[in-house]
């Protein structure tokens, strides 16, 4: 039964996001700007140590999928200085990319965040969720979600389907999907940032609270 649920989640995620195209240069992106970032990621050989999906830790490289540093970054404000300075003291001796332009840094950071977003959605959609702390979920909703969503609107969302479909819409709503020629709104950015940094407990708590609203 557990395996069936996992398979259903994977199928559901594939229908929602479409299968990500990959090649030797990694995961293809849906916009020109993100593809520029992929080019920087590949030509700078980031994928050799961090992997095409950010989870590789070759020679002690950081797992960027779960890095708090990457999660805190906004538009390259943290990643940029690290990339330009390099990390010579690490086992990997990450080189300095001092010649990178501000645009390349922005593009690279955007692609890394895109990989984190789609990677975390896949991870969270198939992860076993712990028991929900409804009070923690209520607090998280009040501090974040309530800036855009009302209880009434969320009740309607809950009634649209089961818990798994609600989780999918929470982690990757239309507003958070990158589209050519369309800048992410503040709401889209907030959803993307939540998904990048959410733990299974965070997801479970929110789902538990939302399901109690109905």
C-alpha atoms as a PDB file:
ATOM      1  CA  UNK A   1       0.000   0.000   0.000  1.00  0.00           C
ATOM      2  CA  UNK A   2       2.827   2.398   0.849  1.00  0.00           C
ATOM      3  CA  UNK A   3       4.487   1.713  -2.511  1.00  0.00           C
ATOM      4  CA  UNK A   4       1.192   2.360  -4.305  1.00  0.00           C
ATOM      5  CA  UNK A   5       0.856   5.739  -2.593  1.00  0.00           C
ATOM      6  CA  UNK A   6       4.402   6.686  -3.572  1.00  0.00           C
ATOM      7  CA  UNK A   7       3.782   5.687  -7.187  1.00  0.00           C
ATOM      8  CA  UNK A   8       0.552   7.677  -7.269  1.00  0.00           C
ATOM      9  CA  UNK A   9       2.392  10.720  -5.926  1.00  0.00           C
ATOM     10  CA  UNK A  10       5.071  10.382  -8.589  1.00  0.00           C
ATOM     11  CA  UNK A  11       2.474  10.020 -11.349  1.00  0.00           C
ATOM     12  CA  UNK A  12       0.563  12.999 -10.018  1.00  0.00           C
ATOM     13  CA  UNK A  13       3.725  15.098  -9.867  1.00  0.00           C
ATOM     14  CA  UNK A  14       4.659  14.108 -13.416  1.00  0.00           C
ATOM     15  CA  UNK A  15       1.246  15.130 -14.719  1.00  0.00           C
ATOM     16  CA  UNK A  16       1.497  18.455 -12.900  1.00  0.00           C
ATOM     17  CA  UNK A  17       5.065  19.400 -13.747  1.00  0.00           C
ATOM     18  CA  UNK A  18       5.686  17.333 -16.898  1.00  0.00           C
ATOM     19  CA  UNK A  19       8.738  15.104 -17.042  1.00  0.00           C
ATOM     20  CA  UNK A  20      11.895  17.146 -16.708  1.00  0.00           C
ATOM     21  CA  UNK A  21      14.089  16.768 -19.799  1.00  0.00           C
ATOM     22  CA  UNK A  22      17.702  15.947 -19.000  1.00  0.00           C
ATOM     23  CA  UNK A  23      20.915  15.518 -20.899  1.00  0.00           C
ATOM     24  CA  UNK A  24      24.616  15.524 -20.047  1.00  0.00           C
ATOM     25  CA  UNK A  25      24.263  19.191 -19.151  1.00  0.00           C
ATOM     26  CA  UNK A  26      21.524  18.608 -16.617  1.00  0.00           C
ATOM     27  CA  UNK A  27      17.882  19.577 -16.358  1.00  0.00           C
ATOM     28  CA  UNK A  28      16.419  21.738 -19.091  1.00  0.00           C
ATOM     29  CA  UNK A  29      14.640  24.869 -17.877  1.00  0.00           C
ATOM     30  CA  UNK A  30      11.385  26.460 -19.101  1.00  0.00           C
ATOM     31  CA  UNK A  31      12.632  30.004 -19.748  1.00  0.00           C
ATOM     32  CA  UNK A  32      15.457  31.683 -21.648  1.00  0.00           C
ATOM     33  CA  UNK A  33      16.859  33.248 -18.469  1.00  0.00           C
ATOM     34  CA  UNK A  34      16.917  29.911 -16.642  1.00  0.00           C
ATOM     35  CA  UNK A  35      18.547  28.253 -19.638  1.00  0.00           C
ATOM     36  CA  UNK A  36      21.252  30.937 -19.499  1.00  0.00           C
ATOM     37  CA  UNK A  37      21.734  29.931 -15.876  1.00  0.00           C
ATOM     38  CA  UNK A  38      22.009  26.292 -16.888  1.00  0.00           C
ATOM     39  CA  UNK A  39      24.726  27.248 -19.366  1.00  0.00           C
ATOM     40  CA  UNK A  40      26.698  29.007 -16.611  1.00  0.00           C
ATOM     41  CA  UNK A  41      26.135  26.035 -14.273  1.00  0.00           C
ATOM     42  CA  UNK A  42      27.500  23.588 -16.860  1.00  0.00           C
ATOM     43  CA  UNK A  43      30.312  25.615 -18.402  1.00  0.00           C
ATOM     44  CA  UNK A  44      31.593  26.439 -14.921  1.00  0.00           C
ATOM     45  CA  UNK A  45      31.576  22.689 -14.154  1.00  0.00           C
ATOM     46  CA  UNK A  46      29.317  23.107 -11.115  1.00  0.00           C
ATOM     47  CA  UNK A  47      27.591  19.836 -12.010  1.00  0.00           C
ATOM     48  CA  UNK A  48      30.778  17.813 -11.688  1.00  0.00           C
ATOM     49  CA  UNK A  49      30.858  18.299  -7.899  1.00  0.00           C
ATOM     50  CA  UNK A  50      27.282  19.256  -7.031  1.00  0.00           C
ATOM     51  CA  UNK A  51      25.529  17.015  -9.555  1.00  0.00           C
ATOM     52  CA  UNK A  52      22.971  17.938 -12.200  1.00  0.00           C
ATOM     53  CA  UNK A  53      20.291  17.808  -9.482  1.00  0.00           C
ATOM     54  CA  UNK A  54      22.326  19.567  -6.723  1.00  0.00           C
ATOM     55  CA  UNK A  55      22.463  16.463  -4.482  1.00  0.00           C
ATOM     56  CA  UNK A  56      25.913  15.153  -5.401  1.00  0.00           C
ATOM     57  CA  UNK A  57      28.656  15.725  -2.840  1.00  0.00           C
ATOM     58  CA  UNK A  58      31.740  14.690  -4.776  1.00  0.00           C
ATOM     59  CA  UNK A  59      34.981  15.318  -2.887  1.00  0.00           C
ATOM     60  CA  UNK A  60      33.139  16.951  -0.011  1.00  0.00           C
ATOM     61  CA  UNK A  61      31.081  19.423  -2.054  1.00  0.00           C
ATOM     62  CA  UNK A  62      27.957  20.785  -0.399  1.00  0.00           C
ATOM     63  CA  UNK A  63      24.575  19.206  -1.045  1.00  0.00           C
ATOM     64  CA  UNK A  64      22.986  22.325  -2.524  1.00  0.00           C
ATOM     65  CA  UNK A  65      19.506  20.805  -2.486  1.00  0.00           C
ATOM     66  CA  UNK A  66      19.483  20.969   1.310  1.00  0.00           C
ATOM     67  CA  UNK A  67      21.914  23.794   1.962  1.00  0.00           C
ATOM     68  CA  UNK A  68      20.652  26.482   4.320  1.00  0.00           C
ATOM     69  CA  UNK A  69      22.979  28.944   2.600  1.00  0.00           C
ATOM     70  CA  UNK A  70      21.262  28.390  -0.745  1.00  0.00           C
ATOM     71  CA  UNK A  71      17.867  28.499   0.927  1.00  0.00           C
ATOM     72  CA  UNK A  72      18.614  31.938   2.359  1.00  0.00           C
ATOM     73  CA  UNK A  73      19.894  33.351  -0.931  1.00  0.00           C
ATOM     74  CA  UNK A  74      17.810  35.860  -2.868  1.00  0.00           C
ATOM     75  CA  UNK A  75      18.810  36.511  -6.463  1.00  0.00           C
ATOM     76  CA  UNK A  76      22.437  35.609  -5.847  1.00  0.00           C
ATOM     77  CA  UNK A  77      23.029  37.990  -2.927  1.00  0.00           C
ATOM     78  CA  UNK A  78      24.680  35.175  -0.935  1.00  0.00           C
ATOM     79  CA  UNK A  79      25.708  32.758  -3.672  1.00  0.00           C
ATOM     80  CA  UNK A  80      27.343  35.478  -5.775  1.00  0.00           C
ATOM     81  CA  UNK A  81      30.101  36.433  -3.321  1.00  0.00           C
ATOM     82  CA  UNK A  82      30.835  32.757  -2.613  1.00  0.00           C
ATOM     83  CA  UNK A  83      31.067  31.885  -6.303  1.00  0.00           C
ATOM     84  CA  UNK A  84      33.287  34.860  -7.068  1.00  0.00           C
ATOM     85  CA  UNK A  85      35.607  34.297  -4.092  1.00  0.00           C
ATOM     86  CA  UNK A  86      35.709  30.499  -4.243  1.00  0.00           C
ATOM     87  CA  UNK A  87      36.265  28.205  -1.270  1.00  0.00           C
ATOM     88  CA  UNK A  88      39.946  27.234  -1.403  1.00  0.00           C
ATOM     89  CA  UNK A  89      40.037  25.867   2.152  1.00  0.00           C
ATOM     90  CA  UNK A  90      37.534  23.099   1.430  1.00  0.00           C
ATOM     91  CA  UNK A  91      38.489  19.595   0.381  1.00  0.00           C
ATOM     92  CA  UNK A  92      36.976  20.348  -3.016  1.00  0.00           C
ATOM     93  CA  UNK A  93      39.022  23.566  -3.359  1.00  0.00           C
ATOM     94  CA  UNK A  94      36.150  25.258  -5.151  1.00  0.00           C
ATOM     95  CA  UNK A  95      37.803  27.679  -7.580  1.00  0.00           C
ATOM     96  CA  UNK A  96      37.134  31.385  -7.715  1.00  0.00           C
ATOM     97  CA  UNK A  97      34.915  32.536 -10.568  1.00  0.00           C
ATOM     98  CA  UNK A  98      35.918  36.155 -10.136  1.00  0.00           C
ATOM     99  CA  UNK A  99      35.325  36.873 -13.814  1.00  0.00           C
ATOM    100  CA  UNK A 100      31.590  36.164 -13.633  1.00  0.00           C
ATOM    101  CA  UNK A 101      29.444  39.158 -14.498  1.00  0.00           C
ATOM    102  CA  UNK A 102      26.527  40.287 -12.336  1.00  0.00           C
ATOM    103  CA  UNK A 103      24.158  38.947 -15.008  1.00  0.00           C
ATOM    104  CA  UNK A 104      25.818  35.531 -14.972  1.00  0.00           C
ATOM    105  CA  UNK A 105      25.581  35.421 -11.182  1.00  0.00           C
ATOM    106  CA  UNK A 106      21.877  36.303 -11.350  1.00  0.00           C
ATOM    107  CA  UNK A 107      21.257  33.670 -14.031  1.00  0.00           C
ATOM    108  CA  UNK A 108      23.222  31.008 -12.161  1.00  0.00           C
ATOM    109  CA  UNK A 109      21.416  31.689  -8.890  1.00  0.00           C
ATOM    110  CA  UNK A 110      18.062  31.573 -10.676  1.00  0.00           C
ATOM    111  CA  UNK A 111      18.840  28.160 -12.152  1.00  0.00           C
ATOM    112  CA  UNK A 112      20.074  26.765  -8.837  1.00  0.00           C
ATOM    113  CA  UNK A 113      16.858  27.911  -7.162  1.00  0.00           C
ATOM    114  CA  UNK A 114      14.829  26.392  -9.984  1.00  0.00           C
ATOM    115  CA  UNK A 115      16.576  23.029  -9.478  1.00  0.00           C
ATOM    116  CA  UNK A 116      15.932  23.247  -5.750  1.00  0.00           C
ATOM    117  CA  UNK A 117      12.270  24.031  -6.304  1.00  0.00           C
ATOM    118  CA  UNK A 118      11.545  21.093  -8.601  1.00  0.00           C
ATOM    119  CA  UNK A 119      13.787  18.804  -6.560  1.00  0.00           C
ATOM    120  CA  UNK A 120      12.099  19.638  -3.274  1.00  0.00           C
ATOM    121  CA  UNK A 121       8.631  19.207  -4.789  1.00  0.00           C
ATOM    122  CA  UNK A 122       9.533  15.694  -5.943  1.00  0.00           C
ATOM    123  CA  UNK A 123      11.159  14.919  -2.601  1.00  0.00           C
ATOM    124  CA  UNK A 124       8.327  16.206  -0.432  1.00  0.00           C
ATOM    125  CA  UNK A 125       5.578  14.683  -2.557  1.00  0.00           C
ATOM    126  CA  UNK A 126       7.042  11.207  -2.056  1.00  0.00           C
ATOM    127  CA  UNK A 127       8.296  11.598   1.530  1.00  0.00           C
ATOM    128  CA  UNK A 128       6.368   9.982   4.384  1.00  0.00           C
ATOM    129  CA  UNK A 129       4.919  12.862   6.383  1.00  0.00           C
ATOM    130  CA  UNK A 130       5.057  12.820  10.192  1.00  0.00           C
ATOM    131  CA  UNK A 131       2.013  13.441  12.359  1.00  0.00           C
ATOM    132  CA  UNK A 132       0.738  16.999  12.073  1.00  0.00           C
ATOM    133  CA  UNK A 133       1.154  19.642  14.767  1.00  0.00           C
ATOM    134  CA  UNK A 134      -1.985  21.624  13.972  1.00  0.00           C
ATOM    135  CA  UNK A 135      -1.036  24.544  16.210  1.00  0.00           C
ATOM    136  CA  UNK A 136       2.332  24.871  14.472  1.00  0.00           C
ATOM    137  CA  UNK A 137       0.511  24.757  11.140  1.00  0.00           C
ATOM    138  CA  UNK A 138      -1.872  27.483  12.256  1.00  0.00           C
ATOM    139  CA  UNK A 139       1.050  29.648  13.326  1.00  0.00           C
ATOM    140  CA  UNK A 140       2.850  29.090  10.009  1.00  0.00           C
ATOM    141  CA  UNK A 141      -0.309  29.968   8.091  1.00  0.00           C
ATOM    142  CA  UNK A 142      -0.773  33.170  10.074  1.00  0.00           C
ATOM    143  CA  UNK A 143       2.835  34.262   9.574  1.00  0.00           C
ATOM    144  CA  UNK A 144       3.067  33.479   5.883  1.00  0.00           C
ATOM    145  CA  UNK A 145       0.048  32.194   3.979  1.00  0.00           C
ATOM    146  CA  UNK A 146      -2.440  34.643   5.505  1.00  0.00           C
ATOM    147  CA  UNK A 147      -0.703  37.501   3.700  1.00  0.00           C
ATOM    148  CA  UNK A 148      -2.513  36.328   0.539  1.00  0.00           C
ATOM    149  CA  UNK A 149      -4.989  33.618   1.568  1.00  0.00           C
ATOM    150  CA  UNK A 150      -8.096  33.807   3.745  1.00  0.00           C
ATOM    151  CA  UNK A 151      -9.554  30.893   5.666  1.00  0.00           C
ATOM    152  CA  UNK A 152     -12.533  30.948   3.317  1.00  0.00           C
ATOM    153  CA  UNK A 153     -10.383  30.660   0.206  1.00  0.00           C
ATOM    154  CA  UNK A 154      -8.386  27.837   1.765  1.00  0.00           C
ATOM    155  CA  UNK A 155     -11.547  25.907   2.666  1.00  0.00           C
ATOM    156  CA  UNK A 156     -12.428  25.980  -1.027  1.00  0.00           C
ATOM    157  CA  UNK A 157      -8.917  24.735  -1.865  1.00  0.00           C
ATOM    158  CA  UNK A 158      -9.196  21.883   0.630  1.00  0.00           C
ATOM    159  CA  UNK A 159     -12.512  20.773  -0.890  1.00  0.00           C
ATOM    160  CA  UNK A 160     -10.986  20.566  -4.396  1.00  0.00           C
ATOM    161  CA  UNK A 161      -9.386  17.191  -3.731  1.00  0.00           C
ATOM    162  CA  UNK A 162      -7.608  14.900  -1.301  1.00  0.00           C
ATOM    163  CA  UNK A 163      -4.621  15.715   0.910  1.00  0.00           C
ATOM    164  CA  UNK A 164      -2.081  14.700  -1.729  1.00  0.00           C
ATOM    165  CA  UNK A 165      -3.537  16.993  -4.396  1.00  0.00           C
ATOM    166  CA  UNK A 166      -3.685  19.806  -1.835  1.00  0.00           C
ATOM    167  CA  UNK A 167      -0.022  19.219  -1.003  1.00  0.00           C
ATOM    168  CA  UNK A 168       0.860  19.376  -4.688  1.00  0.00           C
ATOM    169  CA  UNK A 169      -0.996  22.657  -5.179  1.00  0.00           C
ATOM    170  CA  UNK A 170       0.607  24.078  -2.053  1.00  0.00           C
ATOM    171  CA  UNK A 171       4.158  23.174  -3.118  1.00  0.00           C
ATOM    172  CA  UNK A 172       3.880  24.105  -6.782  1.00  0.00           C
ATOM    173  CA  UNK A 173       0.880  26.303  -7.554  1.00  0.00           C
ATOM    174  CA  UNK A 174       0.562  27.893 -10.982  1.00  0.00           C
ATOM    175  CA  UNK A 175       1.701  31.223  -9.563  1.00  0.00           C
ATOM    176  CA  UNK A 176       5.091  29.711  -8.627  1.00  0.00           C
ATOM    177  CA  UNK A 177       5.852  28.042 -11.971  1.00  0.00           C
ATOM    178  CA  UNK A 178       8.401  29.951 -14.075  1.00  0.00           C
ATOM    179  CA  UNK A 179       7.012  30.998 -17.447  1.00  0.00           C
ATOM    180  CA  UNK A 180       8.660  32.761 -20.345  1.00  0.00           C
ATOM    181  CA  UNK A 181       8.116  36.510 -20.287  1.00  0.00           C
ATOM    182  CA  UNK A 182       6.308  36.459 -16.943  1.00  0.00           C
ATOM    183  CA  UNK A 183       8.085  37.589 -13.779  1.00  0.00           C
ATOM    184  CA  UNK A 184       7.158  35.723 -10.615  1.00  0.00           C
ATOM    185  CA  UNK A 185       4.831  37.759  -8.447  1.00  0.00           C
ATOM    186  CA  UNK A 186       5.523  38.297  -4.763  1.00  0.00           C
ATOM    187  CA  UNK A 187       3.111  35.436  -4.041  1.00  0.00           C
ATOM    188  CA  UNK A 188       4.912  33.174  -6.500  1.00  0.00           C
ATOM    189  CA  UNK A 189       8.265  34.004  -4.962  1.00  0.00           C
ATOM    190  CA  UNK A 190       6.902  33.302  -1.479  1.00  0.00           C
ATOM    191  CA  UNK A 191       5.584  29.894  -2.549  1.00  0.00           C
ATOM    192  CA  UNK A 192       8.876  29.034  -4.252  1.00  0.00           C
ATOM    193  CA  UNK A 193      10.873  30.057  -1.183  1.00  0.00           C
ATOM    194  CA  UNK A 194       8.614  27.995   1.093  1.00  0.00           C
ATOM    195  CA  UNK A 195       8.994  24.933  -1.124  1.00  0.00           C
ATOM    196  CA  UNK A 196      12.776  25.320  -1.281  1.00  0.00           C
ATOM    197  CA  UNK A 197      13.082  25.343   2.497  1.00  0.00           C
ATOM    198  CA  UNK A 198      10.149  23.255   3.733  1.00  0.00           C
ATOM    199  CA  UNK A 199      10.660  20.062   5.709  1.00  0.00           C
ATOM    200  CA  UNK A 200       8.205  17.135   5.763  1.00  0.00           C
ATOM    201  CA  UNK A 201       7.100  18.373   9.201  1.00  0.00           C
ATOM    202  CA  UNK A 202       6.388  21.873   7.838  1.00  0.00           C
ATOM    203  CA  UNK A 203       4.242  20.399   5.077  1.00  0.00           C
ATOM    204  CA  UNK A 204       2.449  18.027   7.426  1.00  0.00           C
ATOM    205  CA  UNK A 205       1.679  20.789   9.923  1.00  0.00           C
ATOM    206  CA  UNK A 206       0.192  23.079   7.282  1.00  0.00           C
ATOM    207  CA  UNK A 207      -1.835  20.295   5.712  1.00  0.00           C
ATOM    208  CA  UNK A 208      -3.129  19.283   9.130  1.00  0.00           C
ATOM    209  CA  UNK A 209      -4.257  22.814   9.905  1.00  0.00           C
ATOM    210  CA  UNK A 210      -5.850  23.388   6.492  1.00  0.00           C
ATOM    211  CA  UNK A 211      -7.789  20.148   6.634  1.00  0.00           C
ATOM    212  CA  UNK A 212      -9.253  21.138   9.985  1.00  0.00           C
ATOM    213  CA  UNK A 213     -10.674  24.319   8.460  1.00  0.00           C
ATOM    214  CA  UNK A 214     -13.333  22.395   6.544  1.00  0.00           C
END
